[in-house]
Amino acid sequence: MKKVLKAVLLLVLNAGLLMSPGCVQTEKKEKSPDMDLLIKSEVETAVSMLQAIFVKHEQGEMTLEQAKKLGADLLRELSYGNEGYFWADTTEGVNVVLYGKKDVEGTNRLEAKDQNGTFYIKEFLAKGEAGGGYVEYWFPQKGQVTPQPKRSYVLPFKPFGWVIGTGYYR
């Protein structure tokens, strides 16, 4: 298990080194092709990390439940820039990872909607089912309660039945 953790951490660190600090911007802005590319790339990296863990499961080094737990634990800690984080929901809408929020993780968010009536989890799942894509909605920043406009990118990770995402505030 320690070898798996080391391999996954090396993968994540190498991906982080490829990202130039100038690519990450923390100020709010309108939809940006650069930011769209960044969040898509970050989600692809997170999914590749999960794939590396799944391969270890397929090789018999851990059970599927152990692989999912390791994947969730690493995804919860994975970040980029100053405020970039990831989340994961199952294809049934149950949250797996949302920066360690114990009141959210493990709950079904399928009926969650923003102030404009957008069922953003359903949107995430639909984009995941279609192979990935962008979703616009309103959501509070980490540690805040007031929703802000947000644009996210999501990708499915079918071996775990998860949809993985990240985004930026506009």
N, C-alpha and C. Protein backbone atom coordinates (compact mmCIF):
# COMPACT_ATOMS: atom_id res chain seq x y z
N MET A 1 0.83 -1.19 0.00
CA MET A 1 0.00 0.00 0.00
C MET A 1 0.87 1.26 0.00
N LYS A 2 2.02 1.21 0.71
CA LYS A 2 2.90 2.38 0.73
C LYS A 2 3.47 2.66 -0.65
N LYS A 3 3.77 1.59 -1.42
CA LYS A 3 4.28 1.77 -2.77
C LYS A 3 3.24 2.45 -3.65
N VAL A 4 1.99 2.06 -3.47
CA VAL A 4 0.91 2.66 -4.26
C VAL A 4 0.80 4.14 -3.94
N LEU A 5 0.80 4.47 -2.66
CA LEU A 5 0.70 5.86 -2.24
C LEU A 5 1.86 6.68 -2.80
N LYS A 6 3.06 6.14 -2.73
CA LYS A 6 4.23 6.85 -3.27
C LYS A 6 4.09 7.07 -4.77
N ALA A 7 3.64 6.05 -5.48
CA ALA A 7 3.50 6.16 -6.94
C ALA A 7 2.46 7.22 -7.30
N VAL A 8 1.36 7.21 -6.59
CA VAL A 8 0.30 8.18 -6.87
C VAL A 8 0.76 9.59 -6.53
N LEU A 9 1.43 9.76 -5.42
CA LEU A 9 1.91 11.09 -5.04
C LEU A 9 2.94 11.61 -6.05
N LEU A 10 3.80 10.74 -6.55
CA LEU A 10 4.76 11.15 -7.58
C LEU A 10 4.04 11.59 -8.84
N LEU A 11 2.99 10.88 -9.22
CA LEU A 11 2.20 11.26 -10.39
C LEU A 11 1.60 12.65 -10.20
N VAL A 12 1.03 12.89 -9.03
CA VAL A 12 0.41 14.18 -8.75
C VAL A 12 1.44 15.30 -8.71
N LEU A 13 2.58 15.05 -8.07
CA LEU A 13 3.62 16.07 -7.99
C LEU A 13 4.17 16.40 -9.37
N ASN A 14 4.37 15.40 -10.19
CA ASN A 14 4.87 15.65 -11.55
C ASN A 14 3.87 16.46 -12.35
N ALA A 15 2.60 16.17 -12.21
CA ALA A 15 1.58 16.94 -12.93
C ALA A 15 1.59 18.39 -12.44
N GLY A 16 1.78 18.59 -11.16
CA GLY A 16 1.81 19.94 -10.61
C GLY A 16 3.00 20.75 -11.10
N LEU A 17 4.12 20.07 -11.33
CA LEU A 17 5.31 20.76 -11.82
C LEU A 17 5.14 21.24 -13.25
N LEU A 18 4.29 20.56 -14.01
CA LEU A 18 4.07 20.95 -15.40
C LEU A 18 3.23 22.21 -15.52
N MET A 19 2.53 22.56 -14.46
CA MET A 19 1.64 23.71 -14.51
C MET A 19 2.41 24.97 -14.11
N SER A 20 2.43 25.95 -14.96
CA SER A 20 3.13 27.19 -14.67
C SER A 20 2.33 28.03 -13.68
N PRO A 21 2.98 28.67 -12.69
CA PRO A 21 2.26 29.49 -11.73
C PRO A 21 1.48 30.61 -12.39
N GLY A 22 1.91 31.06 -13.55
CA GLY A 22 1.21 32.14 -14.23
C GLY A 22 -0.14 31.71 -14.80
N CYS A 23 -0.38 30.42 -14.87
CA CYS A 23 -1.65 29.94 -15.42
C CYS A 23 -2.79 30.10 -14.43
N VAL A 24 -2.50 30.10 -13.14
CA VAL A 24 -3.55 30.12 -12.14
C VAL A 24 -3.83 31.55 -11.73
N GLN A 25 -5.09 31.95 -11.88
CA GLN A 25 -5.49 33.28 -11.48
C GLN A 25 -6.58 33.14 -10.44
N THR A 26 -6.53 33.95 -9.40
CA THR A 26 -7.50 33.80 -8.33
C THR A 26 -8.55 34.89 -8.36
N GLU A 27 -8.37 35.93 -9.15
CA GLU A 27 -9.39 36.97 -9.18
C GLU A 27 -10.56 36.53 -10.04
N LYS A 28 -11.76 37.02 -9.70
CA LYS A 28 -12.95 36.66 -10.44
C LYS A 28 -12.88 37.25 -11.84
N LYS A 29 -13.38 36.51 -12.81
CA LYS A 29 -13.34 36.98 -14.17
C LYS A 29 -14.43 36.29 -14.98
N GLU A 30 -14.69 36.82 -16.13
CA GLU A 30 -15.65 36.21 -17.04
C GLU A 30 -15.07 34.91 -17.60
N LYS A 31 -15.90 34.15 -18.29
CA LYS A 31 -15.46 32.90 -18.90
C LYS A 31 -14.19 33.17 -19.71
N SER A 32 -13.19 32.34 -19.47
CA SER A 32 -11.89 32.53 -20.10
C SER A 32 -11.42 31.23 -20.73
N PRO A 33 -11.00 31.27 -22.00
CA PRO A 33 -10.47 30.06 -22.61
C PRO A 33 -9.28 29.48 -21.84
N ASP A 34 -8.44 30.36 -21.28
CA ASP A 34 -7.29 29.89 -20.51
C ASP A 34 -7.74 29.15 -19.25
N MET A 35 -8.71 29.71 -18.55
CA MET A 35 -9.21 29.06 -17.33
C MET A 35 -9.96 27.78 -17.67
N ASP A 36 -10.71 27.80 -18.77
CA ASP A 36 -11.39 26.58 -19.20
C ASP A 36 -10.39 25.47 -19.46
N LEU A 37 -9.31 25.79 -20.15
CA LEU A 37 -8.28 24.80 -20.45
C LEU A 37 -7.62 24.32 -19.16
N LEU A 38 -7.36 25.23 -18.23
CA LEU A 38 -6.73 24.86 -16.97
C LEU A 38 -7.60 23.88 -16.19
N ILE A 39 -8.88 24.20 -16.00
CA ILE A 39 -9.71 23.31 -15.18
C ILE A 39 -9.92 21.96 -15.87
N LYS A 40 -10.01 21.96 -17.19
CA LYS A 40 -10.13 20.68 -17.91
C LYS A 40 -8.88 19.85 -17.69
N SER A 41 -7.72 20.47 -17.82
CA SER A 41 -6.45 19.78 -17.62
C SER A 41 -6.31 19.25 -16.20
N GLU A 42 -6.72 20.04 -15.23
CA GLU A 42 -6.62 19.62 -13.82
C GLU A 42 -7.51 18.41 -13.55
N VAL A 43 -8.72 18.41 -14.10
CA VAL A 43 -9.62 17.27 -13.90
C VAL A 43 -9.05 16.04 -14.59
N GLU A 44 -8.48 16.21 -15.77
CA GLU A 44 -7.86 15.08 -16.47
C GLU A 44 -6.72 14.49 -15.63
N THR A 45 -5.95 15.35 -14.97
CA THR A 45 -4.86 14.88 -14.10
C THR A 45 -5.42 14.11 -12.91
N ALA A 46 -6.48 14.63 -12.30
CA ALA A 46 -7.09 13.95 -11.16
C ALA A 46 -7.62 12.58 -11.58
N VAL A 47 -8.24 12.51 -12.75
CA VAL A 47 -8.77 11.24 -13.24
C VAL A 47 -7.62 10.27 -13.54
N SER A 48 -6.50 10.76 -14.05
CA SER A 48 -5.36 9.88 -14.31
C SER A 48 -4.80 9.33 -13.00
N MET A 49 -4.85 10.12 -11.94
CA MET A 49 -4.43 9.65 -10.62
C MET A 49 -5.34 8.50 -10.18
N LEU A 50 -6.66 8.69 -10.35
CA LEU A 50 -7.60 7.63 -9.98
C LEU A 50 -7.38 6.38 -10.82
N GLN A 51 -7.06 6.58 -12.09
CA GLN A 51 -6.79 5.43 -12.97
C GLN A 51 -5.59 4.64 -12.47
N ALA A 52 -4.54 5.33 -12.03
CA ALA A 52 -3.35 4.65 -11.50
C ALA A 52 -3.71 3.82 -10.27
N ILE A 53 -4.59 4.34 -9.45
CA ILE A 53 -5.04 3.60 -8.27
C ILE A 53 -5.86 2.39 -8.70
N PHE A 54 -6.74 2.58 -9.67
CA PHE A 54 -7.58 1.48 -10.15
C PHE A 54 -6.73 0.35 -10.73
N VAL A 55 -5.67 0.69 -11.43
CA VAL A 55 -4.77 -0.32 -11.99
C VAL A 55 -4.18 -1.17 -10.86
N LYS A 56 -3.82 -0.54 -9.77
CA LYS A 56 -3.29 -1.29 -8.62
C LYS A 56 -4.35 -2.26 -8.09
N HIS A 57 -5.61 -1.85 -8.11
CA HIS A 57 -6.70 -2.76 -7.72
C HIS A 57 -6.77 -3.93 -8.70
N GLU A 58 -6.72 -3.63 -9.99
CA GLU A 58 -6.80 -4.69 -11.00
C GLU A 58 -5.63 -5.67 -10.88
N GLN A 59 -4.50 -5.19 -10.39
CA GLN A 59 -3.33 -6.06 -10.21
C GLN A 59 -3.40 -6.84 -8.90
N GLY A 60 -4.48 -6.66 -8.15
CA GLY A 60 -4.67 -7.42 -6.92
C GLY A 60 -4.00 -6.83 -5.70
N GLU A 61 -3.51 -5.61 -5.79
CA GLU A 61 -2.80 -5.00 -4.67
C GLU A 61 -3.73 -4.42 -3.61
N MET A 62 -5.01 -4.25 -3.98
CA MET A 62 -5.99 -3.73 -3.03
C MET A 62 -7.39 -4.06 -3.53
N THR A 63 -8.35 -4.06 -2.61
CA THR A 63 -9.73 -4.29 -3.00
C THR A 63 -10.28 -3.04 -3.67
N LEU A 64 -11.44 -3.18 -4.30
CA LEU A 64 -12.07 -2.02 -4.93
C LEU A 64 -12.41 -0.97 -3.87
N GLU A 65 -12.90 -1.41 -2.72
CA GLU A 65 -13.23 -0.46 -1.66
C GLU A 65 -11.98 0.27 -1.15
N GLN A 66 -10.87 -0.44 -1.03
CA GLN A 66 -9.61 0.21 -0.62
C GLN A 66 -9.16 1.21 -1.68
N ALA A 67 -9.32 0.85 -2.94
CA ALA A 67 -8.94 1.75 -4.04
C ALA A 67 -9.81 3.01 -4.00
N LYS A 68 -11.10 2.85 -3.79
CA LYS A 68 -12.00 4.01 -3.72
C LYS A 68 -11.65 4.90 -2.53
N LYS A 69 -11.35 4.28 -1.39
CA LYS A 69 -11.00 5.07 -0.21
C LYS A 69 -9.71 5.85 -0.45
N LEU A 70 -8.69 5.19 -1.00
CA LEU A 70 -7.44 5.87 -1.30
C LEU A 70 -7.67 6.99 -2.31
N GLY A 71 -8.45 6.70 -3.34
CA GLY A 71 -8.76 7.72 -4.35
C GLY A 71 -9.45 8.92 -3.74
N ALA A 72 -10.44 8.68 -2.89
CA ALA A 72 -11.17 9.78 -2.24
C ALA A 72 -10.24 10.58 -1.33
N ASP A 73 -9.42 9.87 -0.55
CA ASP A 73 -8.51 10.56 0.38
C ASP A 73 -7.52 11.45 -0.38
N LEU A 74 -6.96 10.95 -1.46
CA LEU A 74 -6.00 11.74 -2.24
C LEU A 74 -6.69 12.88 -2.97
N LEU A 75 -7.87 12.62 -3.53
CA LEU A 75 -8.61 13.66 -4.23
C LEU A 75 -9.00 14.80 -3.29
N ARG A 76 -9.35 14.46 -2.06
CA ARG A 76 -9.73 15.45 -1.06
C ARG A 76 -8.56 16.39 -0.74
N GLU A 77 -7.35 15.88 -0.79
CA GLU A 77 -6.15 16.68 -0.47
C GLU A 77 -5.53 17.34 -1.69
N LEU A 78 -5.90 16.88 -2.87
CA LEU A 78 -5.32 17.40 -4.10
C LEU A 78 -5.81 18.83 -4.35
N SER A 79 -4.88 19.70 -4.70
CA SER A 79 -5.25 21.09 -4.97
C SER A 79 -4.31 21.67 -6.02
N TYR A 80 -4.65 22.85 -6.50
CA TYR A 80 -3.80 23.56 -7.45
C TYR A 80 -4.00 25.05 -7.24
N GLY A 81 -2.97 25.84 -7.55
CA GLY A 81 -3.06 27.28 -7.32
C GLY A 81 -3.33 27.58 -5.86
N ASN A 82 -3.97 28.72 -5.63
CA ASN A 82 -4.26 29.13 -4.26
C ASN A 82 -5.56 28.53 -3.73
N GLU A 83 -6.53 28.32 -4.62
CA GLU A 83 -7.86 27.91 -4.15
C GLU A 83 -8.46 26.75 -4.92
N GLY A 84 -7.72 26.14 -5.82
CA GLY A 84 -8.28 25.07 -6.64
C GLY A 84 -8.45 23.78 -5.86
N TYR A 85 -9.63 23.20 -5.94
CA TYR A 85 -9.93 21.94 -5.26
C TYR A 85 -10.78 21.07 -6.19
N PHE A 86 -10.97 19.83 -5.80
CA PHE A 86 -11.75 18.88 -6.59
C PHE A 86 -12.90 18.34 -5.75
N TRP A 87 -13.91 17.85 -6.44
CA TRP A 87 -14.98 17.13 -5.77
C TRP A 87 -15.31 15.91 -6.61
N ALA A 88 -16.05 14.99 -5.99
CA ALA A 88 -16.52 13.80 -6.69
C ALA A 88 -17.91 13.46 -6.17
N ASP A 89 -18.77 13.09 -7.08
CA ASP A 89 -20.10 12.59 -6.75
C ASP A 89 -20.29 11.26 -7.48
N THR A 90 -21.05 10.35 -6.87
CA THR A 90 -21.35 9.10 -7.56
C THR A 90 -22.36 9.40 -8.66
N THR A 91 -22.53 8.46 -9.57
CA THR A 91 -23.49 8.65 -10.65
C THR A 91 -24.93 8.65 -10.14
N GLU A 92 -25.11 8.35 -8.86
CA GLU A 92 -26.43 8.45 -8.23
C GLU A 92 -26.60 9.78 -7.49
N GLY A 93 -25.57 10.61 -7.48
CA GLY A 93 -25.65 11.93 -6.84
C GLY A 93 -25.15 11.99 -5.41
N VAL A 94 -24.56 10.92 -4.90
CA VAL A 94 -24.03 10.92 -3.54
C VAL A 94 -22.64 11.52 -3.56
N ASN A 95 -22.41 12.54 -2.73
CA ASN A 95 -21.11 13.19 -2.70
C ASN A 95 -20.08 12.27 -2.05
N VAL A 96 -18.94 12.15 -2.69
CA VAL A 96 -17.82 11.36 -2.19
C VAL A 96 -16.78 12.28 -1.56
N VAL A 97 -16.46 13.38 -2.26
CA VAL A 97 -15.43 14.31 -1.81
C VAL A 97 -15.90 15.74 -2.06
N LEU A 98 -15.83 16.57 -1.03
CA LEU A 98 -16.03 18.02 -1.17
C LEU A 98 -15.21 18.68 -0.06
N TYR A 99 -13.92 18.81 -0.31
CA TYR A 99 -12.92 19.36 0.62
C TYR A 99 -13.15 19.01 2.08
N GLY A 100 -13.53 17.77 2.33
CA GLY A 100 -13.63 17.26 3.70
C GLY A 100 -14.84 17.73 4.48
N LYS A 101 -15.85 18.29 3.80
CA LYS A 101 -17.06 18.74 4.50
C LYS A 101 -17.87 17.52 4.95
N LYS A 102 -17.75 17.21 6.23
CA LYS A 102 -18.40 16.02 6.77
C LYS A 102 -19.92 16.09 6.68
N ASP A 103 -20.48 17.31 6.64
CA ASP A 103 -21.94 17.45 6.54
C ASP A 103 -22.43 17.25 5.11
N VAL A 104 -21.52 17.19 4.14
CA VAL A 104 -21.89 17.00 2.74
C VAL A 104 -21.45 15.64 2.23
N GLU A 105 -20.22 15.26 2.52
CA GLU A 105 -19.71 13.98 2.03
C GLU A 105 -20.59 12.84 2.55
N GLY A 106 -20.99 11.98 1.63
CA GLY A 106 -21.86 10.86 1.99
C GLY A 106 -23.35 11.15 1.83
N THR A 107 -23.69 12.41 1.50
CA THR A 107 -25.10 12.75 1.33
C THR A 107 -25.45 12.81 -0.15
N ASN A 108 -26.73 12.58 -0.44
CA ASN A 108 -27.20 12.65 -1.81
C ASN A 108 -27.53 14.09 -2.14
N ARG A 109 -26.87 14.62 -3.19
CA ARG A 109 -27.06 16.02 -3.59
C ARG A 109 -27.82 16.14 -4.91
N LEU A 110 -28.46 15.07 -5.33
CA LEU A 110 -29.10 15.05 -6.64
C LEU A 110 -30.11 16.18 -6.82
N GLU A 111 -30.81 16.54 -5.77
CA GLU A 111 -31.82 17.59 -5.88
C GLU A 111 -31.29 18.98 -5.53
N ALA A 112 -29.98 19.11 -5.30
CA ALA A 112 -29.40 20.42 -4.99
C ALA A 112 -29.55 21.34 -6.19
N LYS A 113 -29.98 22.57 -5.92
CA LYS A 113 -30.09 23.54 -7.01
C LYS A 113 -29.59 24.89 -6.52
N ASP A 114 -29.14 25.69 -7.47
CA ASP A 114 -28.62 27.01 -7.12
C ASP A 114 -29.76 28.03 -7.09
N GLN A 115 -29.42 29.28 -6.85
CA GLN A 115 -30.42 30.34 -6.69
C GLN A 115 -31.22 30.60 -7.97
N ASN A 116 -30.72 30.13 -9.10
CA ASN A 116 -31.43 30.32 -10.37
C ASN A 116 -32.23 29.08 -10.77
N GLY A 117 -32.24 28.08 -9.89
CA GLY A 117 -33.00 26.87 -10.18
C GLY A 117 -32.24 25.81 -10.95
N THR A 118 -30.93 26.00 -11.14
CA THR A 118 -30.12 25.01 -11.86
C THR A 118 -29.82 23.83 -10.93
N PHE A 119 -30.22 22.64 -11.34
CA PHE A 119 -29.88 21.42 -10.61
C PHE A 119 -28.46 21.02 -11.03
N TYR A 120 -27.49 21.63 -10.38
CA TYR A 120 -26.11 21.51 -10.85
C TYR A 120 -25.56 20.09 -10.74
N ILE A 121 -25.98 19.31 -9.76
CA ILE A 121 -25.49 17.93 -9.67
C ILE A 121 -26.03 17.12 -10.85
N LYS A 122 -27.30 17.33 -11.18
CA LYS A 122 -27.86 16.65 -12.36
C LYS A 122 -27.12 17.07 -13.62
N GLU A 123 -26.72 18.34 -13.69
CA GLU A 123 -25.92 18.82 -14.83
C GLU A 123 -24.56 18.14 -14.86
N PHE A 124 -23.91 18.03 -13.69
CA PHE A 124 -22.61 17.34 -13.62
C PHE A 124 -22.75 15.91 -14.15
N LEU A 125 -23.79 15.23 -13.66
CA LEU A 125 -23.98 13.82 -14.03
C LEU A 125 -24.29 13.67 -15.52
N ALA A 126 -25.08 14.58 -16.05
CA ALA A 126 -25.40 14.53 -17.49
C ALA A 126 -24.14 14.76 -18.32
N LYS A 127 -23.32 15.73 -17.92
CA LYS A 127 -22.06 15.97 -18.65
C LYS A 127 -21.13 14.77 -18.50
N GLY A 128 -21.11 14.18 -17.31
CA GLY A 128 -20.29 12.98 -17.10
C GLY A 128 -20.75 11.84 -17.98
N GLU A 129 -22.03 11.64 -18.06
CA GLU A 129 -22.60 10.57 -18.91
C GLU A 129 -22.23 10.79 -20.37
N ALA A 130 -22.13 12.06 -20.77
CA ALA A 130 -21.79 12.42 -22.15
C ALA A 130 -20.28 12.38 -22.40
N GLY A 131 -19.50 12.07 -21.38
CA GLY A 131 -18.05 11.99 -21.55
C GLY A 131 -17.28 13.17 -21.00
N GLY A 132 -17.99 14.15 -20.43
CA GLY A 132 -17.34 15.31 -19.81
C GLY A 132 -17.83 16.61 -20.41
N GLY A 133 -17.66 17.70 -19.66
CA GLY A 133 -18.04 18.99 -20.16
C GLY A 133 -18.11 20.05 -19.09
N TYR A 134 -18.50 21.25 -19.51
CA TYR A 134 -18.56 22.43 -18.64
C TYR A 134 -19.98 22.65 -18.14
N VAL A 135 -20.08 23.18 -16.91
CA VAL A 135 -21.37 23.51 -16.30
C VAL A 135 -21.23 24.88 -15.65
N GLU A 136 -22.23 25.72 -15.84
CA GLU A 136 -22.26 27.03 -15.18
C GLU A 136 -23.40 27.05 -14.18
N TYR A 137 -23.10 27.57 -12.97
CA TYR A 137 -24.07 27.58 -11.88
C TYR A 137 -23.55 28.53 -10.80
N TRP A 138 -24.28 28.65 -9.72
CA TRP A 138 -23.88 29.49 -8.59
C TRP A 138 -23.60 28.58 -7.41
N PHE A 139 -22.47 28.86 -6.71
CA PHE A 139 -22.07 28.03 -5.57
C PHE A 139 -21.19 28.87 -4.65
N PRO A 140 -21.31 28.70 -3.32
CA PRO A 140 -20.45 29.49 -2.41
C PRO A 140 -18.98 29.05 -2.50
N GLN A 141 -18.10 30.02 -2.38
CA GLN A 141 -16.68 29.69 -2.30
C GLN A 141 -16.42 28.98 -0.98
N LYS A 142 -15.33 28.22 -0.93
CA LYS A 142 -14.95 27.48 0.27
C LYS A 142 -14.91 28.43 1.47
N GLY A 143 -15.63 28.05 2.52
CA GLY A 143 -15.66 28.86 3.75
C GLY A 143 -16.67 30.00 3.71
N GLN A 144 -17.40 30.15 2.61
CA GLN A 144 -18.39 31.23 2.46
C GLN A 144 -19.79 30.64 2.40
N VAL A 145 -20.80 31.49 2.51
CA VAL A 145 -22.18 31.03 2.39
C VAL A 145 -22.92 31.65 1.21
N THR A 146 -22.42 32.79 0.72
CA THR A 146 -23.09 33.48 -0.38
C THR A 146 -22.65 32.88 -1.72
N PRO A 147 -23.60 32.36 -2.50
CA PRO A 147 -23.23 31.79 -3.80
C PRO A 147 -22.67 32.83 -4.76
N GLN A 148 -21.72 32.39 -5.57
CA GLN A 148 -21.07 33.20 -6.60
C GLN A 148 -21.17 32.45 -7.93
N PRO A 149 -21.13 33.16 -9.06
CA PRO A 149 -21.16 32.45 -10.34
C PRO A 149 -19.90 31.60 -10.52
N LYS A 150 -20.10 30.39 -10.98
CA LYS A 150 -18.98 29.45 -11.10
C LYS A 150 -19.10 28.69 -12.42
N ARG A 151 -17.96 28.37 -13.00
CA ARG A 151 -17.90 27.54 -14.20
C ARG A 151 -17.00 26.36 -13.86
N SER A 152 -17.50 25.16 -14.11
CA SER A 152 -16.77 23.95 -13.75
C SER A 152 -16.63 23.02 -14.94
N TYR A 153 -15.68 22.12 -14.81
CA TYR A 153 -15.50 21.06 -15.79
C TYR A 153 -15.58 19.74 -15.04
N VAL A 154 -16.28 18.78 -15.62
CA VAL A 154 -16.41 17.46 -15.00
C VAL A 154 -16.06 16.37 -16.00
N LEU A 155 -15.55 15.27 -15.47
CA LEU A 155 -15.25 14.06 -16.24
C LEU A 155 -15.72 12.86 -15.44
N PRO A 156 -16.18 11.83 -16.12
CA PRO A 156 -16.54 10.61 -15.40
C PRO A 156 -15.30 9.79 -15.08
N PHE A 157 -15.36 9.05 -14.00
CA PHE A 157 -14.39 7.99 -13.75
C PHE A 157 -15.22 6.73 -13.54
N LYS A 158 -15.48 6.05 -14.65
CA LYS A 158 -16.42 4.93 -14.69
C LYS A 158 -16.04 3.76 -13.78
N PRO A 159 -14.75 3.42 -13.62
CA PRO A 159 -14.44 2.28 -12.75
C PRO A 159 -14.96 2.46 -11.31
N PHE A 160 -15.03 3.68 -10.83
CA PHE A 160 -15.55 3.94 -9.48
C PHE A 160 -17.00 4.40 -9.51
N GLY A 161 -17.53 4.71 -10.69
CA GLY A 161 -18.89 5.24 -10.78
C GLY A 161 -18.97 6.67 -10.26
N TRP A 162 -17.91 7.44 -10.49
CA TRP A 162 -17.83 8.81 -9.99
C TRP A 162 -17.78 9.80 -11.14
N VAL A 163 -18.19 11.03 -10.85
CA VAL A 163 -17.97 12.17 -11.73
C VAL A 163 -17.09 13.13 -10.94
N ILE A 164 -15.95 13.51 -11.52
CA ILE A 164 -14.94 14.36 -10.86
C ILE A 164 -15.00 15.75 -11.47
N GLY A 165 -14.88 16.78 -10.62
CA GLY A 165 -14.91 18.13 -11.15
C GLY A 165 -14.07 19.12 -10.39
N THR A 166 -13.84 20.24 -11.04
CA THR A 166 -13.26 21.44 -10.44
C THR A 166 -13.77 22.63 -11.24
N GLY A 167 -13.53 23.84 -10.73
CA GLY A 167 -14.02 24.99 -11.45
C GLY A 167 -13.38 26.28 -10.96
N TYR A 168 -13.87 27.37 -11.52
CA TYR A 168 -13.39 28.70 -11.11
C TYR A 168 -14.58 29.64 -10.97
N TYR A 169 -14.40 30.62 -10.09
CA TYR A 169 -15.42 31.61 -9.86
C TYR A 169 -15.22 32.76 -10.83
N ARG A 170 -16.32 33.27 -11.37
CA ARG A 170 -16.23 34.31 -12.38
C ARG A 170 -16.55 35.66 -11.80
